[in-house]
Full PDB file with SEQRES, HELIX, SHEET, SSBOND, CRYST1, ORIGX, SCALE, CONECT and MASTER records, all heavy atoms in Angstrom:
SEQRES   1 A   33  GLN LEU ALA ARG ALA VAL VAL ARG GLU ALA TYR ALA ALA          
SEQRES   2 A   33  GLY ALA SER PHE VAL ASP VAL ARG TRP ASP ASP ASP ASP          
SEQRES   3 A   33  VAL GLN LEU ALA ARG PHE GLU                                  
HELIX    1 AA1 LEU A    2  ALA A   12  1                                  11    
HELIX    2 AA2 ASP A   25  PHE A   32  1                                   8    
CRYST1    1.000    1.000    1.000  90.00  90.00  90.00 P 1           1          
ORIGX1      1.000000  0.000000  0.000000        0.00000                         
ORIGX2      0.000000  1.000000  0.000000        0.00000                         
ORIGX3      0.000000  0.000000  1.000000        0.00000                         
SCALE1      1.000000  0.000000  0.000000        0.00000                         
SCALE2      0.000000  1.000000  0.000000        0.00000                         
SCALE3      0.000000  0.000000  1.000000        0.00000                         
ATOM      1  N   GLN A   1      -8.130   2.068   1.811  1.00  0.00           N  
ATOM      2  CA  GLN A   1      -8.637   2.429   3.143  1.00  0.00           C  
ATOM      3  C   GLN A   1      -7.848   1.691   4.232  1.00  0.00           C  
ATOM      4  O   GLN A   1      -7.432   2.296   5.229  1.00  0.00           O  
ATOM      5  CB  GLN A   1     -10.125   2.089   3.235  1.00  0.00           C  
ATOM      6  CG  GLN A   1     -10.788   2.542   4.534  1.00  0.00           C  
ATOM      7  CD  GLN A   1     -12.271   2.203   4.550  1.00  0.00           C  
ATOM      8  OE1 GLN A   1     -12.740   1.304   3.836  1.00  0.00           O  
ATOM      9  NE2 GLN A   1     -13.032   2.937   5.353  1.00  0.00           N  
ATOM     10  N   LEU A   2      -7.645   0.387   4.043  1.00  0.00           N  
ATOM     11  CA  LEU A   2      -6.866  -0.374   5.020  1.00  0.00           C  
ATOM     12  C   LEU A   2      -5.400   0.034   4.990  1.00  0.00           C  
ATOM     13  O   LEU A   2      -4.762   0.176   6.039  1.00  0.00           O  
ATOM     14  CB  LEU A   2      -7.004  -1.876   4.750  1.00  0.00           C  
ATOM     15  CG  LEU A   2      -6.148  -2.783   5.641  1.00  0.00           C  
ATOM     16  CD1 LEU A   2      -6.484  -2.597   7.114  1.00  0.00           C  
ATOM     17  CD2 LEU A   2      -6.319  -4.252   5.235  1.00  0.00           C  
ATOM     18  N   ALA A   3      -4.844   0.234   3.798  1.00  0.00           N  
ATOM     19  CA  ALA A   3      -3.432   0.614   3.690  1.00  0.00           C  
ATOM     20  C   ALA A   3      -3.156   1.905   4.455  1.00  0.00           C  
ATOM     21  O   ALA A   3      -2.143   2.021   5.167  1.00  0.00           O  
ATOM     22  CB  ALA A   3      -3.034   0.768   2.227  1.00  0.00           C  
ATOM     23  N   ARG A   4      -4.048   2.873   4.326  1.00  0.00           N  
ATOM     24  CA  ARG A   4      -3.858   4.136   5.038  1.00  0.00           C  
ATOM     25  C   ARG A   4      -3.926   3.943   6.547  1.00  0.00           C  
ATOM     26  O   ARG A   4      -3.171   4.572   7.303  1.00  0.00           O  
ATOM     27  CB  ARG A   4      -4.906   5.146   4.565  1.00  0.00           C  
ATOM     28  CG  ARG A   4      -4.702   5.587   3.121  1.00  0.00           C  
ATOM     29  CD  ARG A   4      -5.899   6.361   2.612  1.00  0.00           C  
ATOM     30  NE  ARG A   4      -5.737   6.673   1.180  1.00  0.00           N  
ATOM     31  CZ  ARG A   4      -6.744   6.719   0.311  1.00  0.00           C  
ATOM     32  NH1 ARG A   4      -7.990   6.456   0.717  1.00  0.00           N  
ATOM     33  NH2 ARG A   4      -6.519   7.013  -0.956  1.00  0.00           N  
ATOM     34  N   ALA A   5      -4.835   3.066   6.996  1.00  0.00           N  
ATOM     35  CA  ALA A   5      -4.926   2.779   8.430  1.00  0.00           C  
ATOM     36  C   ALA A   5      -3.655   2.105   8.939  1.00  0.00           C  
ATOM     37  O   ALA A   5      -3.174   2.393  10.044  1.00  0.00           O  
ATOM     38  CB  ALA A   5      -6.143   1.899   8.714  1.00  0.00           C  
ATOM     39  N   VAL A   6      -3.087   1.199   8.129  1.00  0.00           N  
ATOM     40  CA  VAL A   6      -1.841   0.527   8.498  1.00  0.00           C  
ATOM     41  C   VAL A   6      -0.701   1.547   8.601  1.00  0.00           C  
ATOM     42  O   VAL A   6       0.120   1.493   9.523  1.00  0.00           O  
ATOM     43  CB  VAL A   6      -1.501  -0.587   7.485  1.00  0.00           C  
ATOM     44  CG1 VAL A   6      -0.060  -1.076   7.660  1.00  0.00           C  
ATOM     45  CG2 VAL A   6      -2.477  -1.750   7.631  1.00  0.00           C  
ATOM     46  N   VAL A   7      -0.644   2.482   7.642  1.00  0.00           N  
ATOM     47  CA  VAL A   7       0.405   3.510   7.675  1.00  0.00           C  
ATOM     48  C   VAL A   7       0.330   4.294   8.982  1.00  0.00           C  
ATOM     49  O   VAL A   7       1.346   4.511   9.667  1.00  0.00           O  
ATOM     50  CB  VAL A   7       0.274   4.455   6.462  1.00  0.00           C  
ATOM     51  CG1 VAL A   7       1.174   5.681   6.647  1.00  0.00           C  
ATOM     52  CG2 VAL A   7       0.637   3.726   5.171  1.00  0.00           C  
ATOM     53  N   ARG A   8      -0.864   4.705   9.367  1.00  0.00           N  
ATOM     54  CA  ARG A   8      -1.015   5.490  10.595  1.00  0.00           C  
ATOM     55  C   ARG A   8      -0.641   4.671  11.833  1.00  0.00           C  
ATOM     56  O   ARG A   8       0.012   5.173  12.759  1.00  0.00           O  
ATOM     57  CB  ARG A   8      -2.454   6.023  10.710  1.00  0.00           C  
ATOM     58  CG  ARG A   8      -2.753   7.108   9.682  1.00  0.00           C  
ATOM     59  CD  ARG A   8      -4.105   7.764   9.901  1.00  0.00           C  
ATOM     60  NE  ARG A   8      -4.237   8.937   9.034  1.00  0.00           N  
ATOM     61  CZ  ARG A   8      -3.801  10.141   9.326  1.00  0.00           C  
ATOM     62  NH1 ARG A   8      -3.178  10.348  10.495  1.00  0.00           N  
ATOM     63  NH2 ARG A   8      -3.961  11.149   8.494  1.00  0.00           N  
ATOM     64  N   GLU A   9      -1.060   3.389  11.857  1.00  0.00           N  
ATOM     65  CA  GLU A   9      -0.714   2.546  13.001  1.00  0.00           C  
ATOM     66  C   GLU A   9       0.791   2.298  13.063  1.00  0.00           C  
ATOM     67  O   GLU A   9       1.367   2.200  14.154  1.00  0.00           O  
ATOM     68  CB  GLU A   9      -1.466   1.217  12.918  1.00  0.00           C  
ATOM     69  CG  GLU A   9      -2.943   1.309  13.258  1.00  0.00           C  
ATOM     70  CD  GLU A   9      -3.201   1.677  14.715  1.00  0.00           C  
ATOM     71  OE1 GLU A   9      -2.325   1.408  15.569  1.00  0.00           O  
ATOM     72  OE2 GLU A   9      -4.278   2.230  14.997  1.00  0.00           O  
ATOM     73  N   ALA A  10       1.431   2.177  11.900  1.00  0.00           N  
ATOM     74  CA  ALA A  10       2.878   1.946  11.882  1.00  0.00           C  
ATOM     75  C   ALA A  10       3.623   3.147  12.467  1.00  0.00           C  
ATOM     76  O   ALA A  10       4.557   2.988  13.272  1.00  0.00           O  
ATOM     77  CB  ALA A  10       3.352   1.661  10.461  1.00  0.00           C  
ATOM     78  N   TYR A  11       3.215   4.351  12.086  1.00  0.00           N  
ATOM     79  CA  TYR A  11       3.848   5.533  12.668  1.00  0.00           C  
ATOM     80  C   TYR A  11       3.569   5.605  14.173  1.00  0.00           C  
ATOM     81  O   TYR A  11       4.461   5.952  14.970  1.00  0.00           O  
ATOM     82  CB  TYR A  11       3.357   6.803  11.975  1.00  0.00           C  
ATOM     83  CG  TYR A  11       4.061   7.088  10.657  1.00  0.00           C  
ATOM     84  CD1 TYR A  11       3.338   7.240   9.476  1.00  0.00           C  
ATOM     85  CD2 TYR A  11       5.455   7.215  10.609  1.00  0.00           C  
ATOM     86  CE1 TYR A  11       3.974   7.505   8.266  1.00  0.00           C  
ATOM     87  CE2 TYR A  11       6.095   7.488   9.406  1.00  0.00           C  
ATOM     88  CZ  TYR A  11       5.360   7.618   8.246  1.00  0.00           C  
ATOM     89  OH  TYR A  11       6.016   7.888   7.055  1.00  0.00           O  
ATOM     90  N   ALA A  12       2.354   5.266  14.575  1.00  0.00           N  
ATOM     91  CA  ALA A  12       2.005   5.298  16.001  1.00  0.00           C  
ATOM     92  C   ALA A  12       2.838   4.285  16.793  1.00  0.00           C  
ATOM     93  O   ALA A  12       3.119   4.499  17.980  1.00  0.00           O  
ATOM     94  CB  ALA A  12       0.521   5.005  16.191  1.00  0.00           C  
ATOM     95  N   ALA A  13       3.256   3.205  16.132  1.00  0.00           N  
ATOM     96  CA  ALA A  13       4.060   2.177  16.791  1.00  0.00           C  
ATOM     97  C   ALA A  13       5.555   2.506  16.795  1.00  0.00           C  
ATOM     98  O   ALA A  13       6.353   1.748  17.343  1.00  0.00           O  
ATOM     99  CB  ALA A  13       3.833   0.820  16.122  1.00  0.00           C  
ATOM    100  N   GLY A  14       5.938   3.619  16.146  1.00  0.00           N  
ATOM    101  CA  GLY A  14       7.331   4.043  16.195  1.00  0.00           C  
ATOM    102  C   GLY A  14       8.099   3.935  14.903  1.00  0.00           C  
ATOM    103  O   GLY A  14       9.320   4.129  14.886  1.00  0.00           O  
ATOM    104  N   ALA A  15       7.423   3.620  13.779  1.00  0.00           N  
ATOM    105  CA  ALA A  15       8.128   3.528  12.497  1.00  0.00           C  
ATOM    106  C   ALA A  15       8.742   4.880  12.135  1.00  0.00           C  
ATOM    107  O   ALA A  15       8.149   5.931  12.382  1.00  0.00           O  
ATOM    108  CB  ALA A  15       7.171   3.084  11.391  1.00  0.00           C  
ATOM    109  N   SER A  16       9.926   4.839  11.519  1.00  0.00           N  
ATOM    110  CA  SER A  16      10.597   6.084  11.127  1.00  0.00           C  
ATOM    111  C   SER A  16      10.153   6.564   9.758  1.00  0.00           C  
ATOM    112  O   SER A  16      10.158   7.758   9.478  1.00  0.00           O  
ATOM    113  CB  SER A  16      12.114   5.872  11.123  1.00  0.00           C  
ATOM    114  OG  SER A  16      12.483   4.849  10.194  1.00  0.00           O  
ATOM    115  N   PHE A  17       9.779   5.629   8.876  1.00  0.00           N  
ATOM    116  CA  PHE A  17       9.361   5.969   7.516  1.00  0.00           C  
ATOM    117  C   PHE A  17       8.506   4.836   6.987  1.00  0.00           C  
ATOM    118  O   PHE A  17       8.881   3.668   7.091  1.00  0.00           O  
ATOM    119  CB  PHE A  17      10.590   6.173   6.624  1.00  0.00           C  
ATOM    120  CG  PHE A  17      10.263   6.348   5.154  1.00  0.00           C  
ATOM    121  CD1 PHE A  17       9.402   7.340   4.736  1.00  0.00           C  
ATOM    122  CD2 PHE A  17      10.835   5.512   4.210  1.00  0.00           C  
ATOM    123  CE1 PHE A  17       9.095   7.501   3.385  1.00  0.00           C  
ATOM    124  CE2 PHE A  17      10.535   5.653   2.850  1.00  0.00           C  
ATOM    125  CZ  PHE A  17       9.664   6.652   2.447  1.00  0.00           C  
ATOM    126  N   VAL A  18       7.335   5.178   6.464  1.00  0.00           N  
ATOM    127  CA  VAL A  18       6.425   4.174   5.911  1.00  0.00           C  
ATOM    128  C   VAL A  18       6.143   4.534   4.457  1.00  0.00           C  
ATOM    129  O   VAL A  18       5.659   5.629   4.164  1.00  0.00           O  
ATOM    130  CB  VAL A  18       5.101   4.102   6.699  1.00  0.00           C  
ATOM    131  CG1 VAL A  18       4.250   2.941   6.174  1.00  0.00           C  
ATOM    132  CG2 VAL A  18       5.358   3.958   8.187  1.00  0.00           C  
ATOM    133  N   ASP A  19       6.458   3.614   3.548  1.00  0.00           N  
ATOM    134  CA  ASP A  19       6.233   3.824   2.124  1.00  0.00           C  
ATOM    135  C   ASP A  19       5.190   2.825   1.642  1.00  0.00           C  
ATOM    136  O   ASP A  19       5.039   1.731   2.218  1.00  0.00           O  
ATOM    137  CB  ASP A  19       7.548   3.624   1.353  1.00  0.00           C  
ATOM    138  CG  ASP A  19       7.509   4.275  -0.021  1.00  0.00           C  
ATOM    139  OD1 ASP A  19       6.526   4.967  -0.326  1.00  0.00           O  
ATOM    140  OD2 ASP A  19       8.480   4.083  -0.786  1.00  0.00           O  
ATOM    141  N   VAL A  20       4.456   3.166   0.586  1.00  0.00           N  
ATOM    142  CA  VAL A  20       3.420   2.287   0.048  1.00  0.00           C  
ATOM    143  C   VAL A  20       3.703   2.023  -1.424  1.00  0.00           C  
ATOM    144  O   VAL A  20       3.976   2.944  -2.193  1.00  0.00           O  
ATOM    145  CB  VAL A  20       2.010   2.907   0.201  1.00  0.00           C  
ATOM    146  CG1 VAL A  20       0.958   1.951  -0.369  1.00  0.00           C  
ATOM    147  CG2 VAL A  20       1.715   3.206   1.657  1.00  0.00           C  
ATOM    148  N   ARG A  21       3.644   0.747  -1.815  1.00  0.00           N  
ATOM    149  CA  ARG A  21       3.761   0.336  -3.211  1.00  0.00           C  
ATOM    150  C   ARG A  21       2.416  -0.202  -3.650  1.00  0.00           C  
ATOM    151  O   ARG A  21       1.929  -1.191  -3.125  1.00  0.00           O  
ATOM    152  CB  ARG A  21       4.827  -0.768  -3.342  1.00  0.00           C  
ATOM    153  CG  ARG A  21       5.266  -1.045  -4.768  1.00  0.00           C  
ATOM    154  CD  ARG A  21       5.886  -2.436  -4.892  1.00  0.00           C  
ATOM    155  NE  ARG A  21       4.862  -3.473  -4.880  1.00  0.00           N  
ATOM    156  CZ  ARG A  21       5.138  -4.775  -4.881  1.00  0.00           C  
ATOM    157  NH1 ARG A  21       6.379  -5.195  -4.859  1.00  0.00           N  
ATOM    158  NH2 ARG A  21       4.157  -5.659  -4.879  1.00  0.00           N  
ATOM    159  N   TRP A  22       1.801   0.471  -4.632  1.00  0.00           N  
ATOM    160  CA  TRP A  22       0.442   0.132  -5.043  1.00  0.00           C  
ATOM    161  C   TRP A  22       0.432  -0.893  -6.176  1.00  0.00           C  
ATOM    162  O   TRP A  22       1.287  -0.870  -7.055  1.00  0.00           O  
ATOM    163  CB  TRP A  22      -0.299   1.392  -5.482  1.00  0.00           C  
ATOM    164  CG  TRP A  22      -0.433   2.425  -4.411  1.00  0.00           C  
ATOM    165  CD1 TRP A  22       0.308   3.569  -4.274  1.00  0.00           C  
ATOM    166  CD2 TRP A  22      -1.329   2.405  -3.307  1.00  0.00           C  
ATOM    167  NE1 TRP A  22      -0.087   4.270  -3.160  1.00  0.00           N  
ATOM    168  CE2 TRP A  22      -1.086   3.575  -2.534  1.00  0.00           C  
ATOM    169  CE3 TRP A  22      -2.318   1.514  -2.870  1.00  0.00           C  
ATOM    170  CZ2 TRP A  22      -1.798   3.876  -1.379  1.00  0.00           C  
ATOM    171  CZ3 TRP A  22      -3.032   1.823  -1.714  1.00  0.00           C  
ATOM    172  CH2 TRP A  22      -2.770   2.983  -0.989  1.00  0.00           C  
ATOM    173  N   ASP A  23      -0.573  -1.783  -6.141  1.00  0.00           N  
ATOM    174  CA  ASP A  23      -0.802  -2.774  -7.195  1.00  0.00           C  
ATOM    175  C   ASP A  23      -2.216  -2.578  -7.748  1.00  0.00           C  
ATOM    176  O   ASP A  23      -3.056  -1.931  -7.109  1.00  0.00           O  
ATOM    177  CB  ASP A  23      -0.671  -4.198  -6.644  1.00  0.00           C  
ATOM    178  CG  ASP A  23       0.687  -4.457  -6.029  1.00  0.00           C  
ATOM    179  OD1 ASP A  23       1.703  -4.154  -6.678  1.00  0.00           O  
ATOM    180  OD2 ASP A  23       0.736  -4.963  -4.883  1.00  0.00           O  
ATOM    181  N   ASP A  24      -2.487  -3.179  -8.929  1.00  0.00           N  
ATOM    182  CA  ASP A  24      -3.815  -3.030  -9.520  1.00  0.00           C  
ATOM    183  C   ASP A  24      -4.126  -4.213 -10.432  1.00  0.00           C  
ATOM    184  O   ASP A  24      -3.356  -4.529 -11.351  1.00  0.00           O  
ATOM    185  CB  ASP A  24      -3.900  -1.725 -10.309  1.00  0.00           C  
ATOM    186  CG  ASP A  24      -5.295  -1.485 -10.859  1.00  0.00           C  
ATOM    187  OD1 ASP A  24      -6.174  -1.121 -10.063  1.00  0.00           O  
ATOM    188  OD2 ASP A  24      -5.504  -1.682 -12.060  1.00  0.00           O  
ATOM    189  N   ASP A  25      -5.241  -4.892 -10.154  1.00  0.00           N  
ATOM    190  CA  ASP A  25      -5.654  -6.043 -10.950  1.00  0.00           C  
ATOM    191  C   ASP A  25      -5.831  -5.694 -12.425  1.00  0.00           C  
ATOM    192  O   ASP A  25      -5.402  -6.438 -13.320  1.00  0.00           O  
ATOM    193  CB  ASP A  25      -6.974  -6.602 -10.418  1.00  0.00           C  
ATOM    194  CG  ASP A  25      -6.781  -7.728  -9.411  1.00  0.00           C  
ATOM    195  OD1 ASP A  25      -5.624  -8.024  -9.055  1.00  0.00           O  
ATOM    196  OD2 ASP A  25      -7.799  -8.312  -8.980  1.00  0.00           O  
ATOM    197  N   ASP A  26      -6.491  -4.582 -12.720  1.00  0.00           N  
ATOM    198  CA  ASP A  26      -6.789  -4.234 -14.112  1.00  0.00           C  
ATOM    199  C   ASP A  26      -5.514  -3.994 -14.918  1.00  0.00           C  
ATOM    200  O   ASP A  26      -5.424  -4.361 -16.102  1.00  0.00           O  
ATOM    201  CB  ASP A  26      -7.679  -2.994 -14.180  1.00  0.00           C  
ATOM    202  CG  ASP A  26      -9.104  -3.287 -13.750  1.00  0.00           C  
ATOM    203  OD1 ASP A  26      -9.476  -4.476 -13.725  1.00  0.00           O  
ATOM    204  OD2 ASP A  26      -9.839  -2.340 -13.435  1.00  0.00           O  
ATOM    205  N   VAL A  27      -4.526  -3.383 -14.285  1.00  0.00           N  
ATOM    206  CA  VAL A  27      -3.249  -3.153 -14.964  1.00  0.00           C  
ATOM    207  C   VAL A  27      -2.574  -4.485 -15.283  1.00  0.00           C  
ATOM    208  O   VAL A  27      -2.043  -4.695 -16.381  1.00  0.00           O  
ATOM    209  CB  VAL A  27      -2.332  -2.272 -14.097  1.00  0.00           C  
ATOM    210  CG1 VAL A  27      -0.917  -2.200 -14.681  1.00  0.00           C  
ATOM    211  CG2 VAL A  27      -2.911  -0.862 -13.978  1.00  0.00           C  
ATOM    212  N   GLN A  28      -2.616  -5.415 -14.320  1.00  0.00           N  
ATOM    213  CA  GLN A  28      -2.001  -6.721 -14.543  1.00  0.00           C  
ATOM    214  C   GLN A  28      -2.731  -7.484 -15.653  1.00  0.00           C  
ATOM    215  O   GLN A  28      -2.099  -8.071 -16.542  1.00  0.00           O  
ATOM    216  CB  GLN A  28      -2.014  -7.535 -13.248  1.00  0.00           C  
ATOM    217  CG  GLN A  28      -1.301  -8.882 -13.366  1.00  0.00           C  
ATOM    218  CD  GLN A  28      -1.341  -9.683 -12.080  1.00  0.00           C  
ATOM    219  OE1 GLN A  28      -2.301  -9.606 -11.334  1.00  0.00           O  
ATOM    220  NE2 GLN A  28      -0.301 -10.445 -11.825  1.00  0.00           N  
ATOM    221  N   LEU A  29      -4.057  -7.464 -15.616  1.00  0.00           N  
ATOM    222  CA  LEU A  29      -4.834  -8.173 -16.634  1.00  0.00           C  
ATOM    223  C   LEU A  29      -4.557  -7.614 -18.023  1.00  0.00           C  
ATOM    224  O   LEU A  29      -4.417  -8.373 -18.996  1.00  0.00           O  
ATOM    225  CB  LEU A  29      -6.324  -8.079 -16.301  1.00  0.00           C  
ATOM    226  CG  LEU A  29      -7.277  -8.741 -17.293  1.00  0.00           C  
ATOM    227  CD1 LEU A  29      -7.000 -10.236 -17.401  1.00  0.00           C  
ATOM    228  CD2 LEU A  29      -8.724  -8.495 -16.876  1.00  0.00           C  
ATOM    229  N   ALA A  30      -4.495  -6.300 -18.140  1.00  0.00           N  
ATOM    230  CA  ALA A  30      -4.244  -5.686 -19.445  1.00  0.00           C  
ATOM    231  C   ALA A  30      -2.936  -6.182 -20.040  1.00  0.00           C  
ATOM    232  O   ALA A  30      -2.846  -6.427 -21.253  1.00  0.00           O  
ATOM    233  CB  ALA A  30      -4.218  -4.163 -19.302  1.00  0.00           C  
ATOM    234  N   ARG A  31      -1.923  -6.330 -19.205  1.00  0.00           N  
ATOM    235  CA  ARG A  31      -0.633  -6.795 -19.738  1.00  0.00           C  
ATOM    236  C   ARG A  31      -0.749  -8.201 -20.304  1.00  0.00           C  
ATOM    237  O   ARG A  31      -0.302  -8.472 -21.430  1.00  0.00           O  
ATOM    238  CB  ARG A  31       0.437  -6.762 -18.641  1.00  0.00           C  
ATOM    239  CG  ARG A  31       1.778  -7.204 -19.207  1.00  0.00           C  
ATOM    240  CD  ARG A  31       2.877  -7.309 -18.205  1.00  0.00           C  
ATOM    241  NE  ARG A  31       4.101  -7.686 -18.895  1.00  0.00           N  
ATOM    242  CZ  ARG A  31       5.185  -8.108 -18.289  1.00  0.00           C  
ATOM    243  NH1 ARG A  31       5.239  -8.200 -16.978  1.00  0.00           N  
ATOM    244  NH2 ARG A  31       6.258  -8.446 -19.001  1.00  0.00           N  
ATOM    245  N   PHE A  32      -1.343  -9.126 -19.527  1.00  0.00           N  
ATOM    246  CA  PHE A  32      -1.396 -10.508 -19.996  1.00  0.00           C  
ATOM    247  C   PHE A  32      -2.334 -10.694 -21.172  1.00  0.00           C  
ATOM    248  O   PHE A  32      -2.178 -11.621 -21.962  1.00  0.00           O  
ATOM    249  CB  PHE A  32      -1.770 -11.441 -18.837  1.00  0.00           C  
ATOM    250  CG  PHE A  32      -0.664 -11.612 -17.836  1.00  0.00           C  
ATOM    251  CD1 PHE A  32      -0.765 -11.098 -16.565  1.00  0.00           C  
ATOM    252  CD2 PHE A  32       0.504 -12.271 -18.188  1.00  0.00           C  
ATOM    253  CE1 PHE A  32       0.255 -11.244 -15.643  1.00  0.00           C  
ATOM    254  CE2 PHE A  32       1.543 -12.423 -17.285  1.00  0.00           C  
ATOM    255  CZ  PHE A  32       1.419 -11.911 -16.001  1.00  0.00           C  
ATOM    256  N   GLU A  33      -3.294  -9.793 -21.342  1.00  0.00           N  
ATOM    257  CA  GLU A  33      -4.188  -9.869 -22.498  1.00  0.00           C  
ATOM    258  C   GLU A  33      -3.593  -9.209 -23.742  1.00  0.00           C  
ATOM    259  O   GLU A  33      -3.795  -9.697 -24.862  1.00  0.00           O  
ATOM    260  CB  GLU A  33      -5.518  -9.181 -22.166  1.00  0.00           C  
ATOM    261  CG  GLU A  33      -6.421  -9.970 -21.231  1.00  0.00           C  
ATOM    262  CD  GLU A  33      -7.740  -9.267 -20.981  1.00  0.00           C  
ATOM    263  OE1 GLU A  33      -7.808  -8.022 -21.121  1.00  0.00           O  
ATOM    264  OE2 GLU A  33      -8.716  -9.968 -20.641  1.00  0.00           O  
TER     265      GLU A  33                                                      
MASTER        0    0    0    2    0    0    0    6  264    1    0    3          
END                                                                             
């Protein structure tokens, strides 16, 4: 929800391209376990 709001504000501020890289706690935990 916040990431999407940041993307919209970045475009409103003049960004030419906004990309998002997603992370996930459960995916990280599964690897270490």
